[in-house]
Amino acid sequence: MNSREQIKNAKRIVVKVGTSTLLYPSGKINLYRIEHLTRELADLASQGREIILVTSGAIGVGMVRMGLAKRPDSVQEKQALASVGQVLLMHLYDKFFTEYGQIAGQVLLTKENFSNHSQYINGRNTVLTMLKKGIIPVINENDAVTTAEVKIGDNDTLSATVAAMVDADGLIILSDIDGVYDANPQKNPEARLLSEIPEITQAVEKMAGGAGSAVGTGGMATKIEAAKIATAAGVTMFIASGGSDGTLRRIMQGETVGTVFPPKDAHLRVRKGWLAFGRRISGVIFVDSGCVKALKTGSSILAAGILASEGEYRAGSTVRVLTADYQEIARGTINYDAELIEKIKGKKTSDFTELVTGTLHEEVIHRDNMVLMI
């Protein structure tokens, strides 16, 4: 059974909606689209599915409320707008969900909530409890109090991290584009929509462009990054247009809509999900082809397979593991800091006694503290 057929039986679905779907190009609130979105979500919930909505738009809606035509430059002004917009945005969701017989609850998160393991578990338990009680969690970043949350594409990553955190079956990202194309459809009329991307290769990442909206903060590159997170966690992910009626219904019926990213075979345990997607990435190590082959058979990462490293990270930090051609193959907790990695890279473990003072670890990253992204 393919991914589009499997989604028909999905129980727990995360839907992410971007600012460009919630607002008209003029910057005004698109009440028609919000009403239709909540109606579709409410209908899915009525079918017995568990629905989580991750929403952008707090700053954009705040601009509408304050009568601003131009997005401000200062972080403080954006945060003030987010505080105003969040109230109005949640009021609209609550109004429409109530009309369609559903109860919504607000959850505001920051990256810090994912970086701290206890907060990560608490967030997971809260959302799961809401679902158990028939509440639709409406999740947004807490833009009003943190500078990190106004960066480009954060809500794409947030939606994928939430999907991984709660063991969702599917993640649907509603965007201002139909899916992933093999070229820029705005510049190339021959561009072809890719119905399925079975593996996120370096070529796929190169196809991703930058931010495409004046009011939103997301771009295709961040959606591809979200797909890497979701699929590694065993979540089927879709990118589809948020500007068309019935998109969610059609996807859930298995129709060929947008672009689908099939999940990896194995679901991650909660702890490994936190290691891979909750913690901040502090650095990068590059490994050789022999190490890549060994990782696929369940091995740990040894110093002998390391080619180079980037970043000023400490022991215990989470790092990305890349091939020589920059394909991400794993994430994990590293046992040595960046300075020591420079000394031991390419060396055998038996050579460590002359290079390392203090605790010696045979593995640079132990397989139990690592998640494969391939």
Protein backbone atom coordinates (compact mmCIF):
# COMPACT_ATOMS: atom_id res chain seq x y z
CA MET A 1 0.00 0.00 0.00
CA ASN A 2 1.48 3.38 -1.01
CA SER A 3 1.63 6.50 1.17
CA ARG A 4 -1.46 8.08 -0.37
CA GLU A 5 -3.50 4.98 0.33
CA GLN A 6 -2.14 4.63 3.86
CA ILE A 7 -3.13 8.17 4.81
CA LYS A 8 -6.78 7.18 4.48
CA ASN A 9 -6.40 5.24 7.73
CA ALA A 10 -4.42 7.92 9.55
CA LYS A 11 -5.63 8.60 13.07
CA ARG A 12 -3.51 11.57 14.18
CA ILE A 13 -2.90 14.44 11.72
CA VAL A 14 -0.96 17.68 12.08
CA VAL A 15 -1.96 20.46 9.68
CA LYS A 16 0.22 23.52 9.27
CA VAL A 17 -1.18 26.67 7.65
CA GLY A 18 0.98 29.54 6.47
CA THR A 19 0.43 33.28 6.65
CA SER A 20 -0.13 33.50 2.89
CA THR A 21 -3.16 31.21 3.26
CA LEU A 22 -4.66 33.26 6.11
CA LEU A 23 -4.25 36.67 4.48
CA TYR A 24 -5.13 38.09 1.08
CA PRO A 25 -2.27 39.52 -1.05
CA SER A 26 -3.58 42.93 0.06
CA GLY A 27 -2.66 42.00 3.64
CA LYS A 28 -6.27 41.74 4.86
CA ILE A 29 -7.57 38.70 6.73
CA ASN A 30 -8.99 36.00 4.45
CA LEU A 31 -12.05 35.05 6.50
CA TYR A 32 -13.34 32.80 3.72
CA ARG A 33 -10.18 30.69 3.78
CA ILE A 34 -10.02 30.51 7.60
CA GLU A 35 -13.68 29.46 7.76
CA HIS A 36 -13.21 26.75 5.13
CA LEU A 37 -10.02 25.51 6.81
CA THR A 38 -11.69 25.15 10.20
CA ARG A 39 -14.71 23.49 8.60
CA GLU A 40 -12.52 20.85 6.94
CA LEU A 41 -10.57 20.29 10.16
CA ALA A 42 -13.77 20.04 12.17
CA ASP A 43 -15.16 17.49 9.71
CA LEU A 44 -11.98 15.39 9.99
CA ALA A 45 -12.32 15.53 13.77
CA SER A 46 -15.96 14.44 13.48
CA GLN A 47 -14.73 11.36 11.59
CA GLY A 48 -12.86 10.33 14.72
CA ARG A 49 -9.44 11.60 13.71
CA GLU A 50 -7.18 13.51 16.09
CA ILE A 51 -6.38 16.93 14.61
CA ILE A 52 -3.61 19.36 15.54
CA LEU A 53 -3.39 22.76 13.86
CA VAL A 54 -0.06 24.59 13.68
CA THR A 55 -0.72 28.13 12.57
CA SER A 56 1.38 31.01 11.36
CA GLY A 57 0.05 34.51 10.95
CA ALA A 58 0.28 36.22 14.36
CA ILE A 59 2.44 39.07 13.08
CA GLY A 60 0.52 39.42 9.82
CA VAL A 61 -2.85 39.49 11.60
CA GLY A 62 -1.41 41.95 14.11
CA MET A 63 -0.49 44.23 11.20
CA VAL A 64 -4.12 44.14 10.07
CA ARG A 65 -5.40 44.91 13.56
CA MET A 66 -3.03 47.86 13.92
CA GLY A 67 -3.66 49.17 10.41
CA LEU A 68 -0.07 48.72 9.21
CA ALA A 69 0.70 48.17 5.54
CA LYS A 70 4.40 47.40 5.99
CA ARG A 71 6.04 44.80 8.19
CA PRO A 72 8.26 46.58 10.75
CA ASP A 73 11.98 45.94 10.91
CA SER A 74 12.61 45.90 14.66
CA VAL A 75 12.22 42.71 16.65
CA GLN A 76 10.35 44.51 19.43
CA GLU A 77 7.73 45.87 17.03
CA LYS A 78 7.22 42.40 15.54
CA GLN A 79 6.79 40.96 19.00
CA ALA A 80 4.23 43.63 19.90
CA LEU A 81 2.30 42.90 16.69
CA ALA A 82 2.43 39.17 17.44
CA SER A 83 0.86 39.74 20.86
CA VAL A 84 -2.05 41.62 19.25
CA GLY A 85 -2.39 39.27 16.30
CA GLN A 86 -2.36 36.13 18.44
CA VAL A 87 -5.47 37.28 20.31
CA LEU A 88 -7.41 38.01 17.12
CA LEU A 89 -6.19 34.85 15.37
CA MET A 90 -7.24 32.60 18.25
CA HIS A 91 -10.59 34.41 18.49
CA LEU A 92 -11.27 33.58 14.83
CA TYR A 93 -10.27 29.93 15.21
CA ASP A 94 -12.37 29.58 18.38
CA LYS A 95 -15.37 31.21 16.69
CA PHE A 96 -15.32 28.97 13.63
CA PHE A 97 -14.46 25.74 15.46
CA THR A 98 -17.32 26.40 17.90
CA GLU A 99 -19.74 26.91 15.01
CA TYR A 100 -18.75 23.49 13.68
CA GLY A 101 -19.11 21.72 17.02
CA GLN A 102 -15.45 21.46 18.04
CA ILE A 103 -13.47 22.76 21.01
CA ALA A 104 -10.09 24.38 20.38
CA GLY A 105 -7.31 25.06 22.86
CA GLN A 106 -4.26 27.28 22.42
CA VAL A 107 -0.69 26.05 22.91
CA LEU A 108 2.19 28.53 22.56
CA LEU A 109 5.64 26.99 22.20
CA THR A 110 9.23 28.14 21.77
CA LYS A 111 12.37 26.33 20.76
CA GLU A 112 13.34 26.24 24.44
CA ASN A 113 10.32 24.02 25.11
CA PHE A 114 11.86 21.45 22.78
CA SER A 115 15.48 21.88 23.91
CA ASN A 116 14.71 20.92 27.51
CA HIS A 117 13.81 17.24 27.78
CA SER A 118 11.36 17.63 30.67
CA GLN A 119 9.57 20.48 28.87
CA TYR A 120 9.51 18.36 25.71
CA ILE A 121 7.83 15.49 27.57
CA ASN A 122 5.43 17.88 29.31
CA GLY A 123 4.47 19.44 25.97
CA ARG A 124 3.91 16.00 24.48
CA ASN A 125 1.74 14.92 27.41
CA THR A 126 -0.31 18.13 27.30
CA VAL A 127 -1.08 17.82 23.59
CA LEU A 128 -1.90 14.10 23.90
CA THR A 129 -4.22 14.82 26.83
CA MET A 130 -6.00 17.52 24.81
CA LEU A 131 -6.51 15.06 21.95
CA LYS A 132 -7.81 12.40 24.34
CA LYS A 133 -10.41 14.87 25.61
CA GLY A 134 -11.52 15.85 22.11
CA ILE A 135 -9.80 19.25 22.08
CA ILE A 136 -8.15 20.50 18.89
CA PRO A 137 -4.76 22.00 19.85
CA VAL A 138 -4.03 25.21 17.97
CA ILE A 139 -0.27 25.61 18.19
CA ASN A 140 1.80 28.66 17.39
CA GLU A 141 5.23 29.92 18.27
CA ASN A 142 5.33 32.36 21.14
CA ASP A 143 6.49 35.18 18.90
CA ALA A 144 5.74 37.85 21.49
CA VAL A 145 8.54 36.82 23.86
CA THR A 146 11.33 35.25 21.84
CA THR A 147 13.54 36.62 19.09
CA ALA A 148 14.37 33.18 17.69
CA GLU A 149 10.79 32.57 16.57
CA VAL A 150 10.66 35.29 13.92
CA LYS A 151 13.24 33.59 11.71
CA ILE A 152 12.31 32.40 8.23
CA GLY A 153 10.47 29.07 8.06
CA ASP A 154 10.24 28.40 11.79
CA ASN A 155 6.64 27.17 11.68
CA ASP A 156 7.45 24.57 9.04
CA THR A 157 10.08 23.13 11.36
CA LEU A 158 7.75 23.56 14.33
CA SER A 159 4.97 21.57 12.65
CA ALA A 160 7.34 18.71 11.82
CA THR A 161 8.78 18.71 15.33
CA VAL A 162 5.28 18.64 16.81
CA ALA A 163 4.35 15.77 14.48
CA ALA A 164 7.42 13.84 15.64
CA MET A 165 6.77 14.71 19.29
CA VAL A 166 3.20 13.30 19.31
CA ASP A 167 3.82 10.33 16.97
CA ALA A 168 1.50 11.71 14.29
CA ASP A 169 0.59 9.59 11.31
CA GLY A 170 0.57 12.50 8.88
CA LEU A 171 1.68 16.11 8.48
CA ILE A 172 0.01 18.33 5.88
CA ILE A 173 1.68 21.67 5.17
CA LEU A 174 -0.69 24.04 3.40
CA SER A 175 1.26 26.57 1.38
CA ASP A 176 0.87 29.14 -1.38
CA ILE A 177 2.22 26.62 -3.89
CA ASP A 178 0.79 23.29 -5.07
CA GLY A 179 3.82 21.26 -3.97
CA VAL A 180 7.43 20.72 -4.97
CA TYR A 181 8.34 21.41 -8.60
CA ASP A 182 11.44 20.31 -10.51
CA ALA A 183 11.98 23.98 -11.45
CA ASN A 184 10.62 27.38 -10.46
CA PRO A 185 7.05 27.43 -11.88
CA GLN A 186 6.99 31.24 -11.78
CA LYS A 187 9.93 31.40 -14.18
CA ASN A 188 9.64 28.14 -16.08
CA PRO A 189 6.23 27.25 -17.57
CA GLU A 190 7.54 23.72 -18.22
CA ALA A 191 8.10 23.11 -14.50
CA ARG A 192 6.67 19.78 -13.40
CA LEU A 193 4.93 19.12 -10.08
CA LEU A 194 6.51 16.16 -8.29
CA SER A 195 3.78 13.90 -6.95
CA GLU A 196 6.13 11.98 -4.66
CA ILE A 197 9.65 12.46 -3.31
CA PRO A 198 10.70 9.06 -1.94
CA GLU A 199 14.05 10.30 -0.64
CA ILE A 200 15.39 13.76 0.17
CA THR A 201 18.66 13.85 -1.73
CA GLN A 202 21.08 16.70 -2.26
CA ALA A 203 19.45 17.29 -5.66
CA VAL A 204 16.04 17.68 -4.00
CA GLU A 205 17.43 20.20 -1.52
CA LYS A 206 18.94 22.21 -4.37
CA MET A 207 15.51 22.48 -6.00
CA ALA A 208 14.16 24.30 -2.94
CA GLY A 209 13.95 28.06 -3.26
CA GLY A 210 13.82 30.94 -0.75
CA ALA A 211 10.93 32.68 0.90
CA GLY A 212 8.14 33.44 -1.55
CA SER A 213 5.78 35.76 0.28
CA ALA A 214 5.91 39.35 1.45
CA VAL A 215 3.97 38.64 4.65
CA GLY A 216 4.91 35.05 5.44
CA THR A 217 8.22 33.73 6.76
CA GLY A 218 8.40 30.32 5.09
CA GLY A 219 10.04 29.04 1.91
CA MET A 220 10.33 25.72 0.13
CA ALA A 221 13.77 25.12 1.66
CA THR A 222 12.26 25.09 5.16
CA LYS A 223 9.51 22.74 4.00
CA ILE A 224 12.12 20.29 2.71
CA GLU A 225 13.85 20.53 6.09
CA ALA A 226 10.50 19.82 7.74
CA ALA A 227 10.09 16.77 5.50
CA LYS A 228 13.45 15.43 6.66
CA ILE A 229 12.32 15.71 10.27
CA ALA A 230 8.85 14.27 9.68
CA THR A 231 9.83 11.31 7.54
CA ALA A 232 12.69 10.35 9.85
CA ALA A 233 10.11 10.19 12.64
CA GLY A 234 7.86 7.88 10.64
CA VAL A 235 5.40 10.61 9.62
CA THR A 236 3.96 10.85 6.09
CA MET A 237 4.22 14.48 4.98
CA PHE A 238 2.36 16.40 2.28
CA ILE A 239 2.91 19.85 0.79
CA ALA A 240 -0.20 21.19 -0.94
CA SER A 241 -1.99 24.41 -1.78
CA GLY A 242 -3.85 26.11 1.03
CA GLY A 243 -5.79 28.28 -1.41
CA SER A 244 -8.09 25.56 -2.76
CA ASP A 245 -11.26 24.21 -1.18
CA GLY A 246 -11.28 20.54 -0.24
CA THR A 247 -7.50 20.04 -0.24
CA LEU A 248 -7.45 18.30 3.14
CA ARG A 249 -10.43 16.11 2.28
CA ARG A 250 -8.88 15.06 -1.02
CA ILE A 251 -5.54 14.22 0.60
CA MET A 252 -7.25 12.15 3.29
CA GLN A 253 -9.19 10.29 0.59
CA GLY A 254 -5.93 9.26 -1.05
CA GLU A 255 -6.21 11.47 -4.12
CA THR A 256 -3.11 12.68 -5.94
CA VAL A 257 -2.82 16.16 -4.47
CA GLY A 258 0.42 18.08 -3.89
CA THR A 259 3.69 16.34 -3.09
CA VAL A 260 3.95 13.43 -0.68
CA PHE A 261 7.07 12.40 1.27
CA PRO A 262 6.80 8.76 2.42
CA PRO A 263 7.95 8.03 5.97
CA LYS A 264 11.01 6.04 6.97
CA ASP A 265 10.26 2.50 8.02
CA ALA A 266 10.97 2.77 11.75
CA HIS A 267 9.31 5.17 14.16
CA LEU A 268 11.62 6.88 16.63
CA ARG A 269 11.28 6.35 20.33
CA VAL A 270 10.32 9.50 22.22
CA ARG A 271 13.84 10.01 23.59
CA LYS A 272 15.44 9.64 20.17
CA GLY A 273 12.89 12.02 18.71
CA TRP A 274 13.98 14.59 21.27
CA LEU A 275 17.65 13.97 20.53
CA ALA A 276 17.12 14.46 16.81
CA PHE A 277 14.55 17.23 16.64
CA GLY A 278 14.09 18.80 20.06
CA ARG A 279 17.63 19.84 20.89
CA ARG A 280 19.49 22.66 19.21
CA ILE A 281 22.01 21.70 16.55
CA SER A 282 25.38 22.98 17.75
CA GLY A 283 27.74 21.80 15.03
CA VAL A 284 28.47 19.52 12.10
CA ILE A 285 30.83 16.60 11.52
CA PHE A 286 31.68 15.15 8.11
CA VAL A 287 32.27 11.41 7.75
CA ASP A 288 33.75 9.19 5.04
CA SER A 289 31.97 6.59 2.91
CA GLY A 290 33.12 3.73 5.13
CA CYS A 291 31.48 5.36 8.13
CA VAL A 292 28.26 5.90 6.16
CA LYS A 293 28.18 2.21 5.24
CA ALA A 294 28.78 1.21 8.86
CA LEU A 295 26.01 3.51 10.12
CA LYS A 296 23.49 1.74 7.89
CA THR A 297 24.28 -1.52 9.69
CA GLY A 298 23.74 -0.02 13.15
CA SER A 299 27.27 1.01 14.10
CA SER A 300 28.36 3.97 16.21
CA ILE A 301 30.56 6.76 14.83
CA LEU A 302 34.26 6.37 15.53
CA ALA A 303 36.93 9.02 15.16
CA ALA A 304 38.59 7.10 12.31
CA GLY A 305 35.64 7.85 10.03
CA ILE A 306 35.54 11.61 10.68
CA LEU A 307 36.87 13.87 7.93
CA ALA A 308 36.20 17.32 9.38
CA SER A 309 33.97 19.30 11.73
CA GLU A 310 32.37 22.73 11.88
CA GLY A 311 31.11 24.78 14.82
CA GLU A 312 32.16 25.51 18.40
CA TYR A 313 30.28 22.75 20.21
CA ARG A 314 30.80 21.11 23.58
CA ALA A 315 30.68 17.46 24.60
CA GLY A 316 27.03 16.49 25.06
CA SER A 317 25.82 18.77 22.26
CA THR A 318 23.72 17.59 19.32
CA VAL A 319 25.44 17.70 15.94
CA ARG A 320 24.52 16.92 12.37
CA VAL A 321 26.44 14.15 10.59
CA LEU A 322 27.04 14.86 6.91
CA THR A 323 28.69 13.03 4.03
CA ALA A 324 31.52 14.66 2.10
CA ASP A 325 28.93 15.96 -0.40
CA TYR A 326 26.82 17.56 2.37
CA GLN A 327 24.00 15.00 2.60
CA GLU A 328 22.70 14.74 6.16
CA ILE A 329 22.73 11.13 7.29
CA ALA A 330 22.37 11.34 11.07
CA ARG A 331 22.04 13.49 14.19
CA GLY A 332 23.33 12.63 17.60
CA THR A 333 24.92 13.57 20.91
CA ILE A 334 28.69 13.93 20.56
CA ASN A 335 31.05 12.74 23.31
CA TYR A 336 33.86 15.22 22.63
CA ASP A 337 34.05 18.98 22.14
CA ALA A 338 35.05 20.59 18.85
CA GLU A 339 38.66 21.15 19.92
CA LEU A 340 39.19 17.48 20.74
CA ILE A 341 37.45 16.32 17.56
CA GLU A 342 40.04 18.26 15.59
CA LYS A 343 42.75 16.31 17.38
CA ILE A 344 41.26 12.82 17.06
CA LYS A 345 39.53 12.94 13.65
CA GLY A 346 40.82 10.19 11.40
CA LYS A 347 42.61 8.51 14.30
CA LYS A 348 42.20 5.05 15.78
CA THR A 349 40.79 4.73 19.27
CA SER A 350 44.08 3.23 20.43
CA ASP A 351 45.76 6.57 19.70
CA PHE A 352 43.46 8.54 22.03
CA THR A 353 45.58 8.15 25.17
CA GLU A 354 48.21 10.45 23.69
CA LEU A 355 45.68 12.99 22.46
CA VAL A 356 42.91 13.11 25.05
CA THR A 357 43.05 14.01 28.72
CA GLY A 358 40.14 13.08 30.96
CA THR A 359 37.37 10.59 30.15
CA LEU A 360 37.96 8.48 27.05
CA HIS A 361 35.05 7.35 24.87
CA GLU A 362 35.55 4.70 22.21
CA GLU A 363 32.68 6.14 20.22
CA VAL A 364 32.48 9.76 19.12
CA ILE A 365 28.68 9.31 18.86
CA HIS A 366 27.18 6.13 20.30
CA ARG A 367 24.44 4.49 18.26
CA ASP A 368 22.05 4.72 21.23
CA ASN A 369 22.40 8.52 21.14
CA MET A 370 22.01 8.86 17.40
CA VAL A 371 19.18 8.96 14.87
CA LEU A 372 19.69 8.08 11.23
CA MET A 373 18.23 10.53 8.70
CA ILE A 374 18.65 8.19 5.70
